[in-house]
Amino acid sequence: MICHAGHNTVCETLWHGIPLLAAPIRDDQPIVAGQVTNAGAGIRLRFSRATASQIGTALDTILTEPQYRASAQRIQASFHRAGGTGAAASHLEQLAHTPEPARTRGAQAGQGLTRK
């Protein structure tokens, strides 16, 4: 996937175990692109300076070097174990129905929502 490292596109792509070629433009996109590269699930290029040759080489790399797909699939498995949007919605509903003092106590004691 070639993208600008928007959070939604990155999450959807990794949900499917596909490596990324990220060219961030602004806001949180450089941070998200950094997370992708730090996880080994893609390559980052500079949006305003990438040449056609650099893009082609980076794309060939993520498609032919197996560690990029393996890292993307590792993240995919993690996302699937976490339960996706349904689990997130359930956690948010649970939080919304928890009285304020209990939410504060749990957070202070390190008993907030945890990842599965």
N, C-alpha and C. Protein backbone atom coordinates (compact mmCIF):
# COMPACT_ATOMS: atom_id res chain seq x y z
N MET A 1 0.85 -1.17 0.00
CA MET A 1 0.00 0.00 0.00
C MET A 1 0.89 1.23 0.00
N ILE A 2 0.62 2.14 -0.87
CA ILE A 2 1.30 3.43 -0.89
C ILE A 2 0.31 4.45 -0.32
N CYS A 3 0.74 5.18 0.72
CA CYS A 3 -0.17 6.13 1.34
C CYS A 3 0.58 7.28 2.00
N HIS A 4 -0.17 8.23 2.54
CA HIS A 4 0.41 9.39 3.21
C HIS A 4 0.54 9.18 4.73
N ALA A 5 0.33 7.96 5.19
CA ALA A 5 0.46 7.58 6.60
C ALA A 5 -0.64 8.15 7.47
N GLY A 6 -1.82 8.30 6.91
CA GLY A 6 -2.97 8.65 7.73
C GLY A 6 -3.30 7.46 8.63
N HIS A 7 -3.70 7.75 9.84
CA HIS A 7 -3.91 6.69 10.84
C HIS A 7 -4.91 5.64 10.36
N ASN A 8 -6.01 6.05 9.78
CA ASN A 8 -7.03 5.09 9.35
C ASN A 8 -6.50 4.17 8.25
N THR A 9 -5.83 4.75 7.26
CA THR A 9 -5.30 3.94 6.17
C THR A 9 -4.26 2.96 6.68
N VAL A 10 -3.38 3.42 7.57
CA VAL A 10 -2.35 2.54 8.12
C VAL A 10 -2.99 1.39 8.91
N CYS A 11 -3.96 1.71 9.76
CA CYS A 11 -4.61 0.65 10.56
C CYS A 11 -5.35 -0.34 9.68
N GLU A 12 -6.07 0.14 8.70
CA GLU A 12 -6.81 -0.77 7.79
C GLU A 12 -5.84 -1.65 7.02
N THR A 13 -4.74 -1.07 6.56
CA THR A 13 -3.76 -1.84 5.80
C THR A 13 -3.12 -2.92 6.67
N LEU A 14 -2.73 -2.54 7.89
CA LEU A 14 -2.11 -3.51 8.79
C LEU A 14 -3.12 -4.54 9.28
N TRP A 15 -4.39 -4.18 9.40
CA TRP A 15 -5.43 -5.14 9.76
C TRP A 15 -5.42 -6.30 8.77
N HIS A 16 -5.07 -6.00 7.51
CA HIS A 16 -5.03 -7.02 6.46
C HIS A 16 -3.63 -7.60 6.25
N GLY A 17 -2.66 -7.18 7.08
CA GLY A 17 -1.32 -7.76 7.00
C GLY A 17 -0.51 -7.34 5.80
N ILE A 18 -0.76 -6.14 5.30
CA ILE A 18 -0.09 -5.65 4.10
C ILE A 18 0.95 -4.60 4.49
N PRO A 19 2.19 -4.72 4.00
CA PRO A 19 3.20 -3.71 4.30
C PRO A 19 2.92 -2.39 3.59
N LEU A 20 3.53 -1.31 4.10
CA LEU A 20 3.24 0.03 3.59
C LEU A 20 4.46 0.76 3.08
N LEU A 21 4.21 1.61 2.12
CA LEU A 21 5.16 2.63 1.68
C LEU A 21 4.51 3.95 2.08
N ALA A 22 5.05 4.59 3.11
CA ALA A 22 4.43 5.77 3.69
C ALA A 22 5.18 7.04 3.32
N ALA A 23 4.44 8.03 2.84
CA ALA A 23 5.01 9.33 2.51
C ALA A 23 4.17 10.40 3.23
N PRO A 24 4.49 10.64 4.51
CA PRO A 24 3.68 11.56 5.31
C PRO A 24 3.77 13.00 4.81
N ILE A 25 2.68 13.73 5.03
CA ILE A 25 2.61 15.12 4.59
C ILE A 25 2.64 16.08 5.77
N ARG A 26 1.77 15.84 6.79
CA ARG A 26 1.68 16.79 7.90
C ARG A 26 0.96 16.17 9.10
N ASP A 27 0.79 16.97 10.12
CA ASP A 27 0.09 16.62 11.35
C ASP A 27 0.71 15.38 11.99
N ASP A 28 -0.11 14.35 12.26
CA ASP A 28 0.39 13.15 12.93
C ASP A 28 1.00 12.14 11.96
N GLN A 29 0.93 12.41 10.68
CA GLN A 29 1.39 11.45 9.68
C GLN A 29 2.87 11.08 9.82
N PRO A 30 3.78 12.04 10.10
CA PRO A 30 5.18 11.63 10.30
C PRO A 30 5.36 10.69 11.49
N ILE A 31 4.58 10.89 12.53
CA ILE A 31 4.66 10.02 13.71
C ILE A 31 4.17 8.62 13.35
N VAL A 32 3.03 8.55 12.67
CA VAL A 32 2.47 7.26 12.26
C VAL A 32 3.44 6.54 11.32
N ALA A 33 4.02 7.27 10.37
CA ALA A 33 4.99 6.66 9.45
C ALA A 33 6.20 6.13 10.21
N GLY A 34 6.63 6.86 11.22
CA GLY A 34 7.74 6.40 12.05
C GLY A 34 7.40 5.13 12.79
N GLN A 35 6.16 5.02 13.27
CA GLN A 35 5.73 3.81 13.96
C GLN A 35 5.72 2.62 13.01
N VAL A 36 5.29 2.85 11.78
CA VAL A 36 5.28 1.78 10.78
C VAL A 36 6.70 1.29 10.51
N THR A 37 7.62 2.22 10.31
CA THR A 37 8.99 1.81 10.01
C THR A 37 9.66 1.18 11.24
N ASN A 38 9.41 1.74 12.43
CA ASN A 38 9.98 1.15 13.64
C ASN A 38 9.50 -0.27 13.87
N ALA A 39 8.27 -0.56 13.45
CA ALA A 39 7.72 -1.91 13.60
C ALA A 39 8.19 -2.83 12.48
N GLY A 40 8.87 -2.27 11.49
CA GLY A 40 9.37 -3.09 10.38
C GLY A 40 8.32 -3.42 9.34
N ALA A 41 7.18 -2.72 9.38
CA ALA A 41 6.07 -3.05 8.48
C ALA A 41 6.01 -2.16 7.24
N GLY A 42 7.06 -1.37 7.02
CA GLY A 42 7.05 -0.53 5.84
C GLY A 42 8.26 0.36 5.75
N ILE A 43 8.25 1.18 4.73
CA ILE A 43 9.33 2.13 4.43
C ILE A 43 8.72 3.52 4.34
N ARG A 44 9.46 4.50 4.85
CA ARG A 44 9.02 5.89 4.80
C ARG A 44 9.84 6.64 3.75
N LEU A 45 9.14 7.43 2.94
CA LEU A 45 9.78 8.33 1.99
C LEU A 45 9.33 9.76 2.28
N ARG A 46 10.15 10.72 1.89
CA ARG A 46 9.77 12.12 2.06
C ARG A 46 8.81 12.49 0.93
N PHE A 47 7.64 12.95 1.31
CA PHE A 47 6.57 13.23 0.34
C PHE A 47 7.03 14.20 -0.75
N SER A 48 7.64 15.27 -0.35
CA SER A 48 7.97 16.33 -1.32
C SER A 48 9.27 16.07 -2.09
N ARG A 49 10.02 15.04 -1.71
CA ARG A 49 11.32 14.83 -2.35
C ARG A 49 11.49 13.47 -3.00
N ALA A 50 10.54 12.57 -2.86
CA ALA A 50 10.70 11.22 -3.42
C ALA A 50 10.60 11.27 -4.94
N THR A 51 11.55 10.62 -5.57
CA THR A 51 11.54 10.52 -7.04
C THR A 51 10.82 9.24 -7.45
N ALA A 52 10.49 9.16 -8.70
CA ALA A 52 9.84 7.94 -9.22
C ALA A 52 10.74 6.74 -9.00
N SER A 53 12.03 6.91 -9.18
CA SER A 53 12.97 5.82 -8.97
C SER A 53 13.00 5.37 -7.51
N GLN A 54 13.01 6.32 -6.57
CA GLN A 54 13.01 5.98 -5.15
C GLN A 54 11.72 5.27 -4.75
N ILE A 55 10.62 5.75 -5.28
CA ILE A 55 9.33 5.12 -4.98
C ILE A 55 9.31 3.69 -5.51
N GLY A 56 9.77 3.50 -6.74
CA GLY A 56 9.81 2.17 -7.34
C GLY A 56 10.71 1.21 -6.57
N THR A 57 11.87 1.69 -6.16
CA THR A 57 12.80 0.86 -5.40
C THR A 57 12.20 0.48 -4.05
N ALA A 58 11.60 1.45 -3.36
CA ALA A 58 10.99 1.18 -2.05
C ALA A 58 9.83 0.20 -2.19
N LEU A 59 9.04 0.37 -3.22
CA LEU A 59 7.91 -0.53 -3.46
C LEU A 59 8.41 -1.95 -3.75
N ASP A 60 9.42 -2.06 -4.60
CA ASP A 60 10.01 -3.38 -4.87
C ASP A 60 10.52 -4.01 -3.58
N THR A 61 11.11 -3.21 -2.72
CA THR A 61 11.67 -3.72 -1.46
C THR A 61 10.58 -4.29 -0.56
N ILE A 62 9.50 -3.54 -0.35
CA ILE A 62 8.47 -4.05 0.57
C ILE A 62 7.70 -5.23 -0.02
N LEU A 63 7.73 -5.35 -1.33
CA LEU A 63 7.04 -6.47 -1.97
C LEU A 63 7.90 -7.73 -2.07
N THR A 64 9.22 -7.57 -2.07
CA THR A 64 10.08 -8.73 -2.28
C THR A 64 10.85 -9.18 -1.05
N GLU A 65 11.05 -8.31 -0.09
CA GLU A 65 11.78 -8.70 1.12
C GLU A 65 10.77 -9.16 2.17
N PRO A 66 10.81 -10.42 2.54
CA PRO A 66 9.75 -11.02 3.35
C PRO A 66 9.59 -10.43 4.75
N GLN A 67 10.60 -9.77 5.30
CA GLN A 67 10.46 -9.26 6.66
C GLN A 67 9.40 -8.17 6.76
N TYR A 68 9.13 -7.44 5.69
CA TYR A 68 8.09 -6.40 5.73
C TYR A 68 6.71 -7.02 5.86
N ARG A 69 6.44 -8.03 5.06
CA ARG A 69 5.14 -8.71 5.16
C ARG A 69 5.02 -9.44 6.49
N ALA A 70 6.11 -10.06 6.96
CA ALA A 70 6.06 -10.76 8.24
C ALA A 70 5.74 -9.79 9.38
N SER A 71 6.34 -8.62 9.35
CA SER A 71 6.05 -7.62 10.40
C SER A 71 4.61 -7.13 10.30
N ALA A 72 4.15 -6.89 9.09
CA ALA A 72 2.75 -6.46 8.91
C ALA A 72 1.79 -7.54 9.40
N GLN A 73 2.12 -8.79 9.15
CA GLN A 73 1.26 -9.90 9.60
C GLN A 73 1.32 -10.08 11.11
N ARG A 74 2.45 -9.79 11.72
CA ARG A 74 2.56 -9.83 13.19
C ARG A 74 1.63 -8.78 13.80
N ILE A 75 1.61 -7.59 13.21
CA ILE A 75 0.71 -6.53 13.68
C ILE A 75 -0.73 -6.93 13.40
N GLN A 76 -0.99 -7.51 12.25
CA GLN A 76 -2.33 -8.00 11.92
C GLN A 76 -2.84 -8.94 12.99
N ALA A 77 -2.03 -9.90 13.39
CA ALA A 77 -2.43 -10.87 14.41
C ALA A 77 -2.73 -10.16 15.73
N SER A 78 -1.92 -9.17 16.07
CA SER A 78 -2.14 -8.40 17.30
C SER A 78 -3.47 -7.66 17.24
N PHE A 79 -3.74 -7.02 16.11
CA PHE A 79 -5.02 -6.31 15.94
C PHE A 79 -6.19 -7.27 16.07
N HIS A 80 -6.08 -8.42 15.45
CA HIS A 80 -7.19 -9.39 15.50
C HIS A 80 -7.39 -9.94 16.91
N ARG A 81 -6.28 -10.20 17.63
CA ARG A 81 -6.40 -10.66 19.02
C ARG A 81 -7.08 -9.60 19.89
N ALA A 82 -6.85 -8.34 19.60
CA ALA A 82 -7.43 -7.25 20.39
C ALA A 82 -8.94 -7.14 20.18
N GLY A 83 -9.48 -7.71 19.11
CA GLY A 83 -10.91 -7.75 18.92
C GLY A 83 -11.48 -6.72 17.97
N GLY A 84 -10.69 -5.83 17.46
CA GLY A 84 -11.16 -4.87 16.47
C GLY A 84 -12.13 -3.84 17.01
N THR A 85 -12.91 -3.29 16.09
CA THR A 85 -13.82 -2.20 16.44
C THR A 85 -14.92 -2.64 17.40
N GLY A 86 -15.35 -3.88 17.30
CA GLY A 86 -16.39 -4.37 18.21
C GLY A 86 -15.92 -4.36 19.65
N ALA A 87 -14.69 -4.82 19.88
CA ALA A 87 -14.14 -4.82 21.23
C ALA A 87 -13.93 -3.39 21.72
N ALA A 88 -13.46 -2.52 20.85
CA ALA A 88 -13.26 -1.12 21.24
C ALA A 88 -14.58 -0.48 21.64
N ALA A 89 -15.63 -0.74 20.87
CA ALA A 89 -16.94 -0.18 21.19
C ALA A 89 -17.45 -0.73 22.53
N SER A 90 -17.25 -2.00 22.78
CA SER A 90 -17.67 -2.58 24.05
C SER A 90 -16.93 -1.96 25.23
N HIS A 91 -15.63 -1.75 25.08
CA HIS A 91 -14.84 -1.12 26.14
C HIS A 91 -15.33 0.31 26.40
N LEU A 92 -15.62 1.03 25.33
CA LEU A 92 -16.10 2.41 25.49
C LEU A 92 -17.47 2.45 26.16
N GLU A 93 -18.36 1.52 25.77
CA GLU A 93 -19.67 1.46 26.42
C GLU A 93 -19.52 1.13 27.91
N GLN A 94 -18.64 0.20 28.22
CA GLN A 94 -18.39 -0.16 29.62
C GLN A 94 -17.87 1.06 30.38
N LEU A 95 -16.96 1.78 29.80
CA LEU A 95 -16.40 2.97 30.43
C LEU A 95 -17.47 4.04 30.63
N ALA A 96 -18.34 4.21 29.64
CA ALA A 96 -19.39 5.22 29.73
C ALA A 96 -20.38 4.92 30.86
N HIS A 97 -20.55 3.65 31.19
CA HIS A 97 -21.50 3.26 32.23
C HIS A 97 -20.84 3.08 33.60
N THR A 98 -19.55 3.37 33.68
CA THR A 98 -18.84 3.26 34.95
C THR A 98 -18.88 4.62 35.64
N PRO A 99 -19.31 4.68 36.90
CA PRO A 99 -19.36 5.96 37.61
C PRO A 99 -17.98 6.63 37.65
N GLU A 100 -17.96 7.94 37.62
CA GLU A 100 -16.72 8.72 37.58
C GLU A 100 -15.72 8.33 38.66
N PRO A 101 -16.09 8.23 39.94
CA PRO A 101 -15.08 7.89 40.96
C PRO A 101 -14.43 6.53 40.70
N ALA A 102 -15.18 5.56 40.20
CA ALA A 102 -14.61 4.23 39.94
C ALA A 102 -13.61 4.29 38.79
N ARG A 103 -13.92 5.11 37.78
CA ARG A 103 -12.98 5.24 36.66
C ARG A 103 -11.69 5.86 37.14
N THR A 104 -11.77 6.87 37.98
CA THR A 104 -10.58 7.54 38.50
C THR A 104 -9.77 6.60 39.38
N ARG A 105 -10.43 5.86 40.26
CA ARG A 105 -9.73 4.90 41.13
C ARG A 105 -8.99 3.85 40.31
N GLY A 106 -9.66 3.31 39.31
CA GLY A 106 -9.03 2.26 38.49
C GLY A 106 -7.82 2.79 37.75
N ALA A 107 -7.92 3.99 37.23
CA ALA A 107 -6.80 4.56 36.49
C ALA A 107 -5.62 4.82 37.42
N GLN A 108 -5.90 5.28 38.63
CA GLN A 108 -4.83 5.57 39.58
C GLN A 108 -4.15 4.29 40.04
N ALA A 109 -4.90 3.23 40.14
CA ALA A 109 -4.34 1.96 40.60
C ALA A 109 -3.74 1.14 39.47
N GLY A 110 -3.75 1.69 38.24
CA GLY A 110 -3.23 0.95 37.11
C GLY A 110 -4.17 -0.14 36.63
N GLN A 111 -5.45 0.01 36.94
CA GLN A 111 -6.43 -1.01 36.58
C GLN A 111 -7.33 -0.55 35.44
N GLY A 112 -6.83 0.34 34.60
CA GLY A 112 -7.61 0.83 33.48
C GLY A 112 -7.84 -0.28 32.46
N LEU A 113 -8.41 0.08 31.37
CA LEU A 113 -8.65 -0.90 30.31
C LEU A 113 -7.31 -1.47 29.84
N THR A 114 -7.29 -2.73 29.60
CA THR A 114 -6.05 -3.37 29.15
C THR A 114 -6.26 -3.99 27.78
N ARG A 115 -5.17 -4.16 27.07
CA ARG A 115 -5.21 -4.82 25.77
C ARG A 115 -5.25 -6.32 25.99
N LYS A 116 -5.96 -7.01 25.12
CA LYS A 116 -6.02 -8.47 25.18
C LYS A 116 -5.06 -9.07 24.22
